[in-house]
Amino acid sequence: MLTSKSEELDKVLGLELGADDYLTKPFSIRGLIARIKAICRRIDIEDDKKEKGDSKEILNIANLTIDLEKRKVTKYDQPVDLTVKEFDLLALFAQHPGRAYNRQELLDLVWGYSFIGYEHTVNSHINRLRNKIEEDTANPEFIKTVWGVGYRFAEKDELDI
């Protein structure tokens, strides 16, 4: 987002609604170009992964189907509407079950290289994602909290398959 709104609440809201970055006016051209290059690097990394076959196109996990190429998720064959960042979080977790990520790692991996954000952003996205994919958000089946660390996706033996 490129905007004149510079209040912290505006930045948090913009990022939580799915913006990859938030830049306020006035801004430097070099800073803008650096941010654009960072986004392009992430795209290149994802393209490299696809070319090398590092990710499966469709993940079937319990009652969830995650189509990575089409960026679609279904639960019990019903579509689940996710924001860009919610999908990115879910895809990252589902491709690496059992791997615990701290909030800063999630900010870096999902929001972008050296993203300066708020850990609250990660928590908010995790909560909204859980509301959409979990049967019981008080006892999540898929996205587990790792106390003192962050979050991880459940391994196969933990899921009711």
Protein backbone atom coordinates (compact mmCIF):
# COMPACT_ATOMS: atom_id res chain seq x y z
CA MET A 1 0.00 0.00 0.00
CA LEU A 2 1.21 3.48 -0.82
CA THR A 3 -0.71 6.00 1.27
CA SER A 4 -0.54 9.22 3.24
CA LYS A 5 -2.11 7.55 6.29
CA SER A 6 0.73 7.03 8.72
CA GLU A 7 -1.03 6.15 11.98
CA GLU A 8 -0.08 2.80 13.48
CA LEU A 9 -3.72 1.64 13.37
CA ASP A 10 -3.89 2.34 9.61
CA LYS A 11 -0.68 0.38 9.01
CA VAL A 12 -1.83 -2.60 11.08
CA LEU A 13 -5.24 -2.62 9.40
CA GLY A 14 -3.73 -2.45 5.91
CA LEU A 15 -1.34 -5.31 6.63
CA GLU A 16 -3.98 -7.43 8.33
CA LEU A 17 -6.28 -7.00 5.35
CA GLY A 18 -3.64 -8.59 3.14
CA ALA A 19 -1.26 -5.87 1.96
CA ASP A 20 2.24 -7.19 1.29
CA ASP A 21 3.78 -3.94 2.44
CA TYR A 22 2.77 -0.48 3.67
CA LEU A 23 4.64 2.64 2.61
CA THR A 24 3.63 6.14 3.68
CA LYS A 25 4.12 9.42 1.86
CA PRO A 26 6.52 11.07 1.58
CA PHE A 27 8.76 8.17 0.58
CA SER A 28 12.11 7.80 -1.11
CA ILE A 29 12.34 6.26 -4.56
CA ARG A 30 15.24 4.06 -3.41
CA GLY A 31 13.13 2.74 -0.53
CA LEU A 32 10.22 2.00 -2.88
CA ILE A 33 12.51 0.21 -5.35
CA ALA A 34 14.07 -1.86 -2.55
CA ARG A 35 10.61 -2.98 -1.42
CA ILE A 36 9.61 -3.88 -4.98
CA LYS A 37 12.81 -5.90 -5.40
CA ALA A 38 12.07 -7.76 -2.14
CA ILE A 39 8.63 -8.76 -3.44
CA CYS A 40 10.18 -9.84 -6.76
CA ARG A 41 12.71 -12.00 -4.88
CA ARG A 42 9.87 -13.77 -3.10
CA ILE A 43 8.15 -14.40 -6.43
CA ASP A 44 11.41 -15.77 -7.88
CA ILE A 45 11.86 -18.08 -4.88
CA GLU A 46 8.32 -19.44 -5.29
CA ASP A 47 8.85 -19.90 -9.04
CA ASP A 48 12.09 -21.79 -8.35
CA LYS A 49 10.30 -24.08 -5.90
CA LYS A 50 7.63 -24.88 -8.48
CA GLU A 51 10.24 -25.60 -11.17
CA LYS A 52 12.17 -27.92 -8.84
CA GLY A 53 9.00 -29.68 -7.76
CA ASP A 54 9.48 -28.72 -4.10
CA SER A 55 5.75 -28.47 -3.54
CA LYS A 56 2.82 -30.67 -4.43
CA GLU A 57 0.01 -29.00 -6.33
CA ILE A 58 -2.83 -30.37 -4.20
CA LEU A 59 -2.63 -31.26 -0.51
CA ASN A 60 -5.37 -33.44 1.01
CA ILE A 61 -5.26 -33.21 4.78
CA ALA A 62 -8.16 -34.69 6.74
CA ASN A 63 -11.24 -32.69 5.65
CA LEU A 64 -9.16 -29.97 3.92
CA THR A 65 -8.05 -29.80 0.31
CA ILE A 66 -5.47 -27.14 -0.51
CA ASP A 67 -4.85 -26.47 -4.20
CA LEU A 68 -1.55 -24.59 -4.18
CA GLU A 69 -1.54 -23.70 -7.85
CA LYS A 70 -5.13 -22.41 -7.97
CA ARG A 71 -4.87 -20.99 -4.42
CA LYS A 72 -8.15 -22.61 -3.44
CA VAL A 73 -9.11 -24.32 -0.20
CA THR A 74 -12.10 -26.52 0.46
CA LYS A 75 -13.36 -28.00 3.72
CA TYR A 76 -15.71 -30.97 3.36
CA ASP A 77 -15.76 -30.07 -0.38
CA GLN A 78 -17.11 -26.59 0.41
CA PRO A 79 -15.03 -23.56 -0.62
CA VAL A 80 -13.22 -21.66 2.13
CA ASP A 81 -12.64 -17.98 1.39
CA LEU A 82 -9.18 -16.95 2.55
CA THR A 83 -7.29 -13.70 2.20
CA VAL A 84 -3.93 -13.78 0.43
CA LYS A 85 -1.99 -13.93 3.70
CA GLU A 86 -4.29 -16.52 5.26
CA PHE A 87 -3.75 -18.77 2.25
CA ASP A 88 0.01 -18.17 2.33
CA LEU A 89 0.13 -19.08 6.03
CA LEU A 90 -1.94 -22.22 5.52
CA ALA A 91 0.15 -23.32 2.53
CA LEU A 92 3.39 -22.80 4.43
CA PHE A 93 2.15 -24.73 7.45
CA ALA A 94 0.58 -27.56 5.43
CA GLN A 95 3.72 -28.09 3.36
CA HIS A 96 5.82 -28.41 6.53
CA PRO A 97 3.76 -30.34 9.11
CA GLY A 98 5.30 -30.45 12.56
CA ARG A 99 7.72 -27.58 11.85
CA ALA A 100 7.34 -24.85 14.49
CA TYR A 101 7.62 -21.25 13.31
CA ASN A 102 8.04 -18.25 15.56
CA ARG A 103 6.16 -15.05 14.74
CA GLN A 104 9.20 -13.30 13.25
CA GLU A 105 9.86 -16.24 10.93
CA LEU A 106 6.25 -16.11 9.77
CA LEU A 107 6.51 -12.37 9.18
CA ASP A 108 9.67 -12.93 7.11
CA LEU A 109 8.37 -15.93 5.15
CA VAL A 110 4.79 -14.84 4.52
CA TRP A 111 4.95 -11.06 4.62
CA GLY A 112 8.35 -10.78 3.04
CA TYR A 113 12.08 -10.63 3.50
CA SER A 114 13.00 -8.43 6.46
CA PHE A 115 9.40 -7.28 6.90
CA ILE A 116 9.12 -4.81 9.75
CA GLY A 117 5.74 -5.67 11.13
CA TYR A 118 3.86 -6.37 14.26
CA GLU A 119 3.67 -9.80 15.84
CA HIS A 120 0.01 -8.98 16.47
CA THR A 121 -0.47 -9.23 12.69
CA VAL A 122 0.54 -12.91 12.78
CA ASN A 123 -1.73 -13.64 15.75
CA SER A 124 -4.70 -11.95 14.05
CA HIS A 125 -4.21 -13.88 10.83
CA ILE A 126 -3.81 -17.19 12.68
CA ASN A 127 -7.03 -16.52 14.63
CA ARG A 128 -8.98 -15.68 11.47
CA LEU A 129 -7.54 -18.71 9.67
CA ARG A 130 -8.48 -20.97 12.56
CA ASN A 131 -12.02 -19.58 12.51
CA LYS A 132 -12.29 -20.64 8.88
CA ILE A 133 -10.71 -24.12 8.93
CA GLU A 134 -11.02 -25.48 12.47
CA GLU A 135 -14.08 -27.25 13.85
CA ASP A 136 -13.31 -26.04 17.39
CA THR A 137 -11.04 -23.00 17.64
CA ALA A 138 -10.55 -23.63 21.37
CA ASN A 139 -9.00 -27.02 20.48
CA PRO A 140 -7.50 -26.56 17.03
CA GLU A 141 -6.86 -29.70 15.00
CA PHE A 142 -4.64 -28.20 12.29
CA ILE A 143 -2.79 -25.11 13.52
CA LYS A 144 -1.27 -25.80 16.91
CA THR A 145 0.19 -23.26 19.30
CA VAL A 146 3.71 -24.04 20.45
CA TRP A 147 3.93 -22.15 23.74
CA GLY A 148 6.93 -19.87 23.96
CA VAL A 149 7.71 -20.36 20.26
CA GLY A 150 4.82 -19.75 17.88
CA TYR A 151 2.78 -22.09 15.70
CA ARG A 152 3.02 -25.36 13.79
CA PHE A 153 0.81 -27.52 11.58
CA ALA A 154 -0.31 -30.87 12.99
CA GLU A 155 1.46 -33.99 11.81
CA LYS A 156 -0.48 -36.86 10.19
CA ASP A 157 -0.63 -38.96 13.35
CA GLU A 158 -2.30 -36.08 15.21
CA LEU A 159 -5.13 -35.68 12.69
CA ASP A 160 -8.40 -37.58 12.51
CA ILE A 161 -8.03 -38.96 9.01
